[in-house]
Protein backbone atom coordinates (compact mmCIF):
# COMPACT_ATOMS: atom_id res chain seq x y z
CA UNK A 1 -148.47 46.06 97.74
CA UNK A 2 -146.60 47.81 100.15
CA UNK A 3 -147.75 49.61 103.26
CA UNK A 4 -147.57 53.39 103.22
CA UNK A 5 -147.87 55.91 105.71
CA UNK A 6 -149.77 58.62 104.84
CA UNK A 7 -152.24 59.31 107.69
CA UNK A 8 -155.84 60.76 107.55
CA UNK A 9 -155.41 62.32 110.82
CA UNK A 10 -152.35 64.19 111.81
CA UNK A 11 -151.10 62.32 114.94
CA UNK A 12 -149.00 63.18 117.54
CA UNK A 13 -145.91 61.55 118.68
CA UNK A 14 -146.31 59.11 121.62
CA UNK A 15 -145.49 60.64 124.67
CA UNK A 16 -144.14 59.12 128.12
CA UNK A 17 -147.14 59.57 130.49
CA UNK A 18 -145.42 58.15 133.62
CA UNK A 19 -142.16 56.87 134.89
CA UNK A 20 -143.08 53.57 134.98
CA UNK A 21 -141.33 51.06 132.94
CA UNK A 22 -143.26 49.21 130.18
CA UNK A 23 -141.60 46.18 130.78
CA UNK A 24 -141.40 46.01 134.54
CA UNK A 25 -144.39 47.34 136.12
CA UNK A 26 -144.55 48.26 139.94
CA UNK A 27 -148.12 49.06 140.87
CA UNK A 28 -149.88 49.24 144.08
CA UNK A 29 -151.89 46.24 145.22
CA UNK A 30 -155.08 47.89 144.93
CA UNK A 31 -154.26 48.59 141.43
CA UNK A 32 -153.25 45.13 140.58
CA UNK A 33 -156.60 43.60 141.71
CA UNK A 34 -159.05 46.17 140.25
CA UNK A 35 -159.00 45.77 136.36
CA UNK A 36 -158.85 48.82 134.15
CA UNK A 37 -162.15 49.22 132.25
CA UNK A 38 -161.34 50.14 128.52
CA UNK A 39 -163.45 50.55 125.27
CA UNK A 40 -161.90 50.06 121.76
CA UNK A 41 -163.13 50.13 118.23
CA UNK A 42 -163.54 46.79 116.23
CA UNK A 43 -160.42 47.15 114.21
CA UNK A 44 -158.02 46.68 117.07
CA UNK A 45 -160.01 44.33 119.10
CA UNK A 46 -157.90 41.34 118.94
CA UNK A 47 -154.54 43.20 118.94
CA UNK A 48 -155.57 44.72 122.17
CA UNK A 49 -156.85 41.39 123.68
CA UNK A 50 -153.41 39.91 122.85
CA UNK A 51 -151.40 42.90 124.04
CA UNK A 52 -153.79 43.06 127.33
CA UNK A 53 -152.67 39.38 128.21
CA UNK A 54 -149.10 39.97 127.64
CA UNK A 55 -149.30 43.19 129.86
CA UNK A 56 -150.78 41.01 132.71
CA UNK A 57 -148.42 38.30 132.42
CA UNK A 58 -145.90 40.81 133.00
CA UNK A 59 -147.21 42.10 136.12
CA UNK A 60 -149.70 44.87 134.88
CA UNK A 61 -153.21 45.04 136.26
CA UNK A 62 -156.19 43.37 134.03
CA UNK A 63 -157.58 45.30 131.41
CA UNK A 64 -161.31 44.57 130.72
CA UNK A 65 -161.85 45.47 127.27
CA UNK A 66 -164.97 46.13 125.40
CA UNK A 67 -164.42 46.38 121.66
CA UNK A 68 -167.64 47.80 119.74
CA UNK A 69 -168.34 49.78 116.95
CA UNK A 70 -166.27 53.18 116.99
CA UNK A 71 -169.02 55.32 116.43
CA UNK A 72 -170.89 53.42 119.33
CA UNK A 73 -167.87 53.71 121.33
CA UNK A 74 -167.50 57.36 121.09
CA UNK A 75 -171.13 58.02 121.60
CA UNK A 76 -171.01 56.22 124.87
CA UNK A 77 -168.08 57.90 126.19
CA UNK A 78 -169.56 61.32 125.16
CA UNK A 79 -172.63 60.53 127.09
CA UNK A 80 -170.68 59.96 130.08
CA UNK A 81 -170.13 56.22 130.45
CA UNK A 82 -167.26 55.54 132.83
CA UNK A 83 -163.81 54.04 131.47
CA UNK A 84 -160.51 54.23 132.71
CA UNK A 85 -159.10 54.13 129.10
CA UNK A 86 -160.53 54.83 125.69
CA UNK A 87 -158.86 53.53 122.56
CA UNK A 88 -160.24 54.74 119.17
CA UNK A 89 -159.24 56.66 116.01
CA UNK A 90 -157.33 59.74 116.61
CA UNK A 91 -159.98 62.26 115.34
CA UNK A 92 -162.50 60.31 117.76
CA UNK A 93 -160.14 60.63 120.82
CA UNK A 94 -159.57 64.58 119.80
CA UNK A 95 -163.28 65.20 119.46
CA UNK A 96 -164.04 63.55 123.04
CA UNK A 97 -161.19 65.48 124.46
CA UNK A 98 -162.61 68.53 123.36
CA UNK A 99 -166.02 67.51 124.96
CA UNK A 100 -164.17 67.32 128.44
CA UNK A 101 -164.70 63.44 128.80
CA UNK A 102 -160.81 62.38 128.71
CA UNK A 103 -158.05 63.93 130.50
CA UNK A 104 -156.44 66.66 128.53
CA UNK A 105 -152.92 65.72 127.23
CA UNK A 106 -153.26 62.23 127.90
CA UNK A 107 -153.58 61.05 124.21
CA UNK A 108 -151.00 58.67 122.80
CA UNK A 109 -150.74 57.43 119.26
CA UNK A 110 -150.21 53.86 119.56
CA UNK A 111 -150.74 52.23 116.30
CA UNK A 112 -150.87 52.94 112.62
CA UNK A 113 -153.35 50.84 110.36
CA UNK A 114 -153.57 50.91 106.59
CA UNK A 115 -156.70 50.18 104.72
CA UNK A 116 -156.87 47.29 102.51
CA UNK A 117 -159.34 45.89 99.61
CA UNK A 118 -160.35 42.34 99.44
CA UNK A 119 -162.68 40.25 97.32
CA UNK A 120 -164.54 36.75 98.01
CA UNK A 121 -162.78 33.69 97.96
CA UNK A 122 -162.93 32.20 94.17
CA UNK A 123 -163.59 35.23 92.07
CA UNK A 124 -161.35 36.63 89.64
CA UNK A 125 -159.22 39.32 91.69
CA UNK A 126 -159.41 42.70 89.67
CA UNK A 127 -156.36 44.92 89.45
CA UNK A 128 -155.92 47.33 92.18
CA UNK A 129 -152.04 47.87 92.00
CA UNK A 130 -152.61 51.42 90.90
CA UNK A 131 -155.00 54.51 91.46
CA UNK A 132 -156.10 54.18 87.84
CA UNK A 133 -156.52 50.36 88.31
CA UNK A 134 -158.58 50.80 91.35
CA UNK A 135 -161.11 53.53 89.84
CA UNK A 136 -161.70 50.81 87.00
CA UNK A 137 -162.40 47.95 89.81
CA UNK A 138 -164.51 50.39 91.40
CA UNK A 139 -166.77 50.83 88.29
CA UNK A 140 -166.73 47.44 87.41
CA UNK A 141 -168.09 46.33 90.84
CA UNK A 142 -171.77 46.02 91.24
CA UNK A 143 -171.68 46.25 95.43
CA UNK A 144 -168.84 48.02 97.24
CA UNK A 145 -168.53 47.47 101.14
CA UNK A 146 -167.13 50.31 103.10
CA UNK A 147 -167.20 50.71 106.97
CA UNK A 148 -168.74 53.48 109.07
CA UNK A 149 -165.32 54.09 110.61
CA UNK A 150 -162.51 56.50 109.78
CA UNK A 151 -161.29 54.30 106.91
CA UNK A 152 -165.10 54.46 105.35
CA UNK A 153 -164.89 58.23 105.81
CA UNK A 154 -161.50 58.63 103.96
CA UNK A 155 -162.90 56.42 101.07
CA UNK A 156 -165.93 58.31 100.56
CA UNK A 157 -163.73 61.55 100.40
CA UNK A 158 -161.62 59.67 97.63
CA UNK A 159 -164.52 58.87 95.84
CA UNK A 160 -165.47 62.63 95.83
CA UNK A 161 -161.98 63.54 94.57
CA UNK A 162 -162.18 61.01 91.86
CA UNK A 163 -165.61 62.44 90.61
CA UNK A 164 -167.27 59.06 91.56
CA UNK A 165 -169.23 59.48 94.51
CA UNK A 166 -172.60 60.14 92.28
CA UNK A 167 -171.66 56.92 90.17
CA UNK A 168 -171.22 54.67 93.11
CA UNK A 169 -173.60 56.14 95.59
CA UNK A 170 -176.43 53.21 94.96
CA UNK A 171 -173.56 50.41 94.89
CA UNK A 172 -171.95 51.61 98.10
CA UNK A 173 -172.79 49.24 101.23
CA UNK A 174 -172.47 50.48 104.63
CA UNK A 175 -172.64 47.46 107.27
CA UNK A 176 -174.24 48.43 110.70
CA UNK A 177 -171.63 49.77 113.30
CA UNK A 178 -169.71 46.79 114.60
CA UNK A 179 -170.32 44.50 111.55
CA UNK A 180 -167.00 44.10 109.75
CA UNK A 181 -166.94 44.59 105.82
CA UNK A 182 -165.22 41.24 105.54
CA UNK A 183 -168.48 39.69 106.75
CA UNK A 184 -170.12 41.19 103.79
CA UNK A 185 -167.72 40.03 101.42
CA UNK A 186 -167.52 36.34 102.93
CA UNK A 187 -171.57 36.29 102.69
CA UNK A 188 -171.67 37.40 98.94
CA UNK A 189 -173.08 40.72 99.96
CA UNK A 190 -170.49 42.93 98.09
CA UNK A 191 -168.00 42.43 95.28
CA UNK A 192 -165.10 44.62 96.59
CA UNK A 193 -164.57 45.51 100.18
CA UNK A 194 -162.70 48.27 101.79
CA UNK A 195 -161.45 48.20 105.54
CA UNK A 196 -158.56 48.20 108.15
CA UNK A 197 -156.07 45.52 107.07
CA UNK A 198 -156.31 44.11 110.70
CA UNK A 199 -160.03 43.46 110.22
CA UNK A 200 -159.46 41.43 106.88
CA UNK A 201 -156.41 39.14 107.74
CA UNK A 202 -157.44 35.82 108.33
CA UNK A 203 -161.14 35.99 107.64
CA UNK A 204 -162.38 32.79 106.02
CA UNK A 205 -164.11 33.45 102.80
CA UNK A 206 -162.15 36.29 101.63
CA UNK A 207 -159.13 37.16 99.82
CA UNK A 208 -157.11 40.24 100.28
CA UNK A 209 -155.83 41.88 97.76
CA UNK A 210 -153.28 44.16 99.52
CA UNK A 211 -153.19 47.74 100.89
CA UNK A 212 -154.29 50.71 98.49
CA UNK A 213 -151.90 51.88 96.04
CA UNK A 214 -149.35 54.37 97.47
CA UNK A 215 -150.86 57.35 95.57
CA UNK A 216 -154.10 57.17 97.58
CA UNK A 217 -153.09 55.20 100.44
CA UNK A 218 -155.13 55.76 103.74
CA UNK A 219 -153.63 54.72 107.07
CA UNK A 220 -155.77 55.67 110.42
CA UNK A 221 -154.13 56.62 113.35
CA UNK A 222 -155.18 54.60 116.78
CA UNK A 223 -154.96 56.49 119.71
CA UNK A 224 -155.56 56.27 123.56
CA UNK A 225 -156.28 58.54 126.20
CA UNK A 226 -157.64 58.31 130.13
CA UNK A 227 -160.80 58.70 131.04
CA UNK A 228 -161.75 61.59 133.19
CA UNK A 229 -163.23 59.67 135.73
CA UNK A 230 -160.48 57.00 136.09
CA UNK A 231 -159.62 56.03 139.29
CA UNK A 232 -156.22 54.68 138.55
CA UNK A 233 -154.55 57.18 136.29
CA UNK A 234 -151.13 55.74 137.25
CA UNK A 235 -151.99 52.30 136.10
CA UNK A 236 -153.71 53.73 133.10
CA UNK A 237 -151.12 55.67 131.86
CA UNK A 238 -148.56 52.61 132.37
CA UNK A 239 -150.73 50.84 130.14
CA UNK A 240 -150.64 53.39 127.34
CA UNK A 241 -146.75 53.66 127.73
CA UNK A 242 -146.62 49.69 127.14
CA UNK A 243 -148.66 49.90 123.78
CA UNK A 244 -146.08 52.34 122.61
CA UNK A 245 -143.12 50.39 123.88
CA UNK A 246 -140.80 47.92 121.87
CA UNK A 247 -142.59 44.81 123.53
CA UNK A 248 -145.63 45.55 121.66
CA UNK A 249 -144.26 46.10 118.07
CA UNK A 250 -143.85 42.66 116.74
CA UNK A 251 -147.35 42.19 118.00
CA UNK A 252 -148.66 45.19 116.01
CA UNK A 253 -146.83 43.76 112.77
CA UNK A 254 -148.66 40.45 112.94
CA UNK A 255 -151.85 42.15 112.96
CA UNK A 256 -150.89 44.60 109.92
CA UNK A 257 -150.03 47.39 111.81
CA UNK A 258 -147.15 49.47 112.95
């Protein structure tokens, strides 16, 4: 199935936050020896780790990335834990911005991630090619895995719109924060699983059926912002510029993002 661009949040266009070039970074020696401390959700951990390595190889400072569940990340930042960079779903970034723990105006939308549906390897895959077929697959599934993050909230809203929330309530399984739905699928704990495509790709024991049908497609916008206590705002802003640069696009595509 195709990947669609309908978003559950209204993302802003990426903005250039500094005059630094994303392909040729020139920072002070202090910035180059002091790692940037960043926190992200699990959905983007592998992608960000690869981009951080490429950034460092290109002359940028080290990014010390801590991936955790998105809910936990937002809680820690809101509680005042110091991070130079925060990389979460756009609505979480906006919430933290409103709380005054991120620099106003520093938000950059750097990735778009579609929600996918998957089953355990070896089972007969249901038809999920249309909204009607997906509803039938949901009715037939004994256990349905959804995440605690933005994709899970969007799916629960979709179930409500379809009038299925009551019928599915006892069958929806939400894993603990930081535990991917793919892990539940691989262990046979759910029959049908929904999460960011990036968290499904390459996971042993599951079969990705595709992204959601176009009429109900869900795409999460991931954003980044500079922490209010950041001691290296120039370096942090250059890193955000890099995430939005053409140099990062091919890597994003490999992880099912754009």
